[in-house]
Amino acid sequence: MNLTLQTDMDNIFLGSGFEEDIVYTPSGGAAKTISAIVDRASSEVFSPKLQARLSLQSYRVSIQVSKTDVSVVTKQEDIVTLSHHGRISDTLHVVGILYEDTASYTLGLA
């Protein structure tokens, strides 16, 4: 079996049981429900000095999404709606790309 990073992201990492359904609305596009790893506990993991160096705004939540679902990120314009136990809890804007590889983005939301 020939696995790639994208295959691993889509079929293993986002199929591990830790993922959540979120609604991602790209700038100028239609909202769609996708799977993401949502980390509500790691807000502000970067020091203020590192945030300034990376030109990151403060963020409340980070998410990891597959590039299969999100191919382009437009900071300040893309919107993510998170739910908590089936209820809508937050609608947040993408404020930064915290990490990117060939298969995924890790995005900061505020």
C-alpha atoms as a PDB file:
ATOM      1  CA  MET A   1       0.000   0.000   0.000  1.00  0.00           C
ATOM      2  CA  ASN A   2       1.514   3.305  -1.118  1.00  0.00           C
ATOM      3  CA  LEU A   3       0.606   6.049   1.339  1.00  0.00           C
ATOM      4  CA  THR A   4       1.226   9.738   0.881  1.00  0.00           C
ATOM      5  CA  LEU A   5       1.022  12.566   3.382  1.00  0.00           C
ATOM      6  CA  GLN A   6      -2.283  13.692   1.829  1.00  0.00           C
ATOM      7  CA  THR A   7      -3.733  10.173   2.033  1.00  0.00           C
ATOM      8  CA  ASP A   8      -2.620   9.909   5.653  1.00  0.00           C
ATOM      9  CA  MET A   9      -4.178  13.280   6.477  1.00  0.00           C
ATOM     10  CA  ASP A  10      -7.499  12.522   4.801  1.00  0.00           C
ATOM     11  CA  ASN A  11      -7.955   8.878   5.779  1.00  0.00           C
ATOM     12  CA  ILE A  12      -6.046   8.352   9.000  1.00  0.00           C
ATOM     13  CA  PHE A  13      -5.520  11.606  10.878  1.00  0.00           C
ATOM     14  CA  LEU A  14      -8.967  13.049  10.089  1.00  0.00           C
ATOM     15  CA  GLY A  15     -10.527   9.614  10.588  1.00  0.00           C
ATOM     16  CA  SER A  16      -9.091   8.955  14.035  1.00  0.00           C
ATOM     17  CA  GLY A  17     -12.179   9.884  16.038  1.00  0.00           C
ATOM     18  CA  PHE A  18     -10.689  13.127  17.340  1.00  0.00           C
ATOM     19  CA  GLU A  19     -11.912  15.219  14.427  1.00  0.00           C
ATOM     20  CA  GLU A  20     -14.949  17.500  14.515  1.00  0.00           C
ATOM     21  CA  ASP A  21     -17.259  18.730  11.801  1.00  0.00           C
ATOM     22  CA  ILE A  22     -16.867  22.455  11.208  1.00  0.00           C
ATOM     23  CA  VAL A  23     -18.374  24.808   8.657  1.00  0.00           C
ATOM     24  CA  TYR A  24     -15.704  26.533   6.554  1.00  0.00           C
ATOM     25  CA  THR A  25     -16.690  29.515   4.438  1.00  0.00           C
ATOM     26  CA  PRO A  26     -13.935  30.668   2.097  1.00  0.00           C
ATOM     27  CA  SER A  27     -13.781  34.305   1.022  1.00  0.00           C
ATOM     28  CA  GLY A  28     -16.346  34.772  -1.748  1.00  0.00           C
ATOM     29  CA  GLY A  29     -17.326  31.093  -1.652  1.00  0.00           C
ATOM     30  CA  ALA A  30     -20.046  28.846  -0.316  1.00  0.00           C
ATOM     31  CA  ALA A  31     -20.013  27.380   3.175  1.00  0.00           C
ATOM     32  CA  LYS A  32     -19.216  23.675   3.410  1.00  0.00           C
ATOM     33  CA  THR A  33     -18.978  21.193   6.250  1.00  0.00           C
ATOM     34  CA  ILE A  34     -15.544  19.609   6.591  1.00  0.00           C
ATOM     35  CA  SER A  35     -13.621  17.630   9.213  1.00  0.00           C
ATOM     36  CA  ALA A  36     -10.945  19.322  11.303  1.00  0.00           C
ATOM     37  CA  ILE A  37      -8.865  18.763  14.389  1.00  0.00           C
ATOM     38  CA  VAL A  38      -9.946  21.578  16.722  1.00  0.00           C
ATOM     39  CA  ASP A  39      -7.674  22.685  19.544  1.00  0.00           C
ATOM     40  CA  ARG A  40      -9.459  25.023  21.926  1.00  0.00           C
ATOM     41  CA  ALA A  41      -6.827  24.591  24.637  1.00  0.00           C
ATOM     42  CA  SER A  42      -3.735  25.805  22.820  1.00  0.00           C
ATOM     43  CA  SER A  43      -4.724  29.411  22.169  1.00  0.00           C
ATOM     44  CA  GLU A  44      -1.813  31.773  22.472  1.00  0.00           C
ATOM     45  CA  VAL A  45       0.792  28.995  22.335  1.00  0.00           C
ATOM     46  CA  PHE A  46       3.232  31.364  20.687  1.00  0.00           C
ATOM     47  CA  SER A  47       4.974  33.999  22.765  1.00  0.00           C
ATOM     48  CA  PRO A  48       4.064  37.627  21.966  1.00  0.00           C
ATOM     49  CA  LYS A  49       7.592  38.106  20.573  1.00  0.00           C
ATOM     50  CA  LEU A  50       7.240  35.138  18.209  1.00  0.00           C
ATOM     51  CA  GLN A  51       3.712  36.222  17.213  1.00  0.00           C
ATOM     52  CA  ALA A  52       5.114  39.640  16.244  1.00  0.00           C
ATOM     53  CA  ARG A  53       7.971  38.076  14.261  1.00  0.00           C
ATOM     54  CA  LEU A  54       5.533  35.833  12.374  1.00  0.00           C
ATOM     55  CA  SER A  55       3.040  38.711  11.967  1.00  0.00           C
ATOM     56  CA  LEU A  56       0.394  36.630  13.739  1.00  0.00           C
ATOM     57  CA  GLN A  57      -2.586  38.171  15.401  1.00  0.00           C
ATOM     58  CA  SER A  58      -3.747  36.824  18.708  1.00  0.00           C
ATOM     59  CA  TYR A  59      -5.983  33.798  18.194  1.00  0.00           C
ATOM     60  CA  ARG A  60      -8.450  31.881  20.347  1.00  0.00           C
ATOM     61  CA  VAL A  61      -8.608  28.463  18.686  1.00  0.00           C
ATOM     62  CA  SER A  62      -6.465  26.555  16.216  1.00  0.00           C
ATOM     63  CA  ILE A  63      -7.709  24.045  13.663  1.00  0.00           C
ATOM     64  CA  GLN A  64      -5.977  21.615  11.357  1.00  0.00           C
ATOM     65  CA  VAL A  65      -7.662  21.070   8.000  1.00  0.00           C
ATOM     66  CA  SER A  66      -6.833  19.041   4.920  1.00  0.00           C
ATOM     67  CA  LYS A  67      -5.795  20.809   1.736  1.00  0.00           C
ATOM     68  CA  THR A  68      -8.269  18.490   0.001  1.00  0.00           C
ATOM     69  CA  ASP A  69     -11.009  20.523   1.735  1.00  0.00           C
ATOM     70  CA  VAL A  70      -9.331  23.938   1.903  1.00  0.00           C
ATOM     71  CA  SER A  71      -7.006  24.675  -0.996  1.00  0.00           C
ATOM     72  CA  VAL A  72      -6.582  28.430  -0.458  1.00  0.00           C
ATOM     73  CA  VAL A  73      -6.694  30.421   2.782  1.00  0.00           C
ATOM     74  CA  THR A  74      -7.597  34.105   2.830  1.00  0.00           C
ATOM     75  CA  LYS A  75      -6.740  35.556   6.225  1.00  0.00           C
ATOM     76  CA  GLN A  76      -9.327  37.879   7.774  1.00  0.00           C
ATOM     77  CA  GLU A  77     -11.919  36.851   5.162  1.00  0.00           C
ATOM     78  CA  ASP A  78     -12.390  33.076   5.574  1.00  0.00           C
ATOM     79  CA  ILE A  79     -14.896  32.196   8.306  1.00  0.00           C
ATOM     80  CA  VAL A  80     -15.140  29.064  10.446  1.00  0.00           C
ATOM     81  CA  THR A  81     -18.198  28.075  12.478  1.00  0.00           C
ATOM     82  CA  LEU A  82     -17.540  25.648  15.313  1.00  0.00           C
ATOM     83  CA  SER A  83     -20.131  23.721  17.256  1.00  0.00           C
ATOM     84  CA  HIS A  84     -19.981  22.307  20.727  1.00  0.00           C
ATOM     85  CA  HIS A  85     -22.063  19.202  21.468  1.00  0.00           C
ATOM     86  CA  GLY A  86     -24.192  19.896  18.396  1.00  0.00           C
ATOM     87  CA  ARG A  87     -24.871  23.542  19.227  1.00  0.00           C
ATOM     88  CA  ILE A  88     -23.237  26.429  17.378  1.00  0.00           C
ATOM     89  CA  SER A  89     -20.781  28.037  19.734  1.00  0.00           C
ATOM     90  CA  ASP A  90     -18.557  30.364  17.718  1.00  0.00           C
ATOM     91  CA  THR A  91     -18.136  31.935  14.331  1.00  0.00           C
ATOM     92  CA  LEU A  92     -14.507  32.983  13.955  1.00  0.00           C
ATOM     93  CA  HIS A  93     -12.257  34.474  11.285  1.00  0.00           C
ATOM     94  CA  VAL A  94      -9.004  32.927  10.112  1.00  0.00           C
ATOM     95  CA  VAL A  95      -6.305  35.287  11.412  1.00  0.00           C
ATOM     96  CA  GLY A  96      -3.174  33.338  10.580  1.00  0.00           C
ATOM     97  CA  ILE A  97      -1.599  30.288   9.052  1.00  0.00           C
ATOM     98  CA  LEU A  98       0.305  28.776  11.965  1.00  0.00           C
ATOM     99  CA  TYR A  99       1.725  25.855  10.001  1.00  0.00           C
ATOM    100  CA  GLU A 100       1.478  24.482   6.485  1.00  0.00           C
ATOM    101  CA  ASP A 101       2.724  21.309   4.856  1.00  0.00           C
ATOM    102  CA  THR A 102       1.862  19.560   1.605  1.00  0.00           C
ATOM    103  CA  ALA A 103      -1.313  18.020   3.055  1.00  0.00           C
ATOM    104  CA  SER A 104      -2.723  20.438   5.619  1.00  0.00           C
ATOM    105  CA  TYR A 105      -3.012  23.868   7.149  1.00  0.00           C
ATOM    106  CA  THR A 106      -3.025  24.685  10.849  1.00  0.00           C
ATOM    107  CA  LEU A 107      -4.984  27.912  11.195  1.00  0.00           C
ATOM    108  CA  GLY A 108      -5.377  30.386  14.032  1.00  0.00           C
ATOM    109  CA  LEU A 109      -8.935  31.648  14.569  1.00  0.00           C
ATOM    110  CA  ALA A 110     -10.197  34.721  16.418  1.00  0.00           C
END
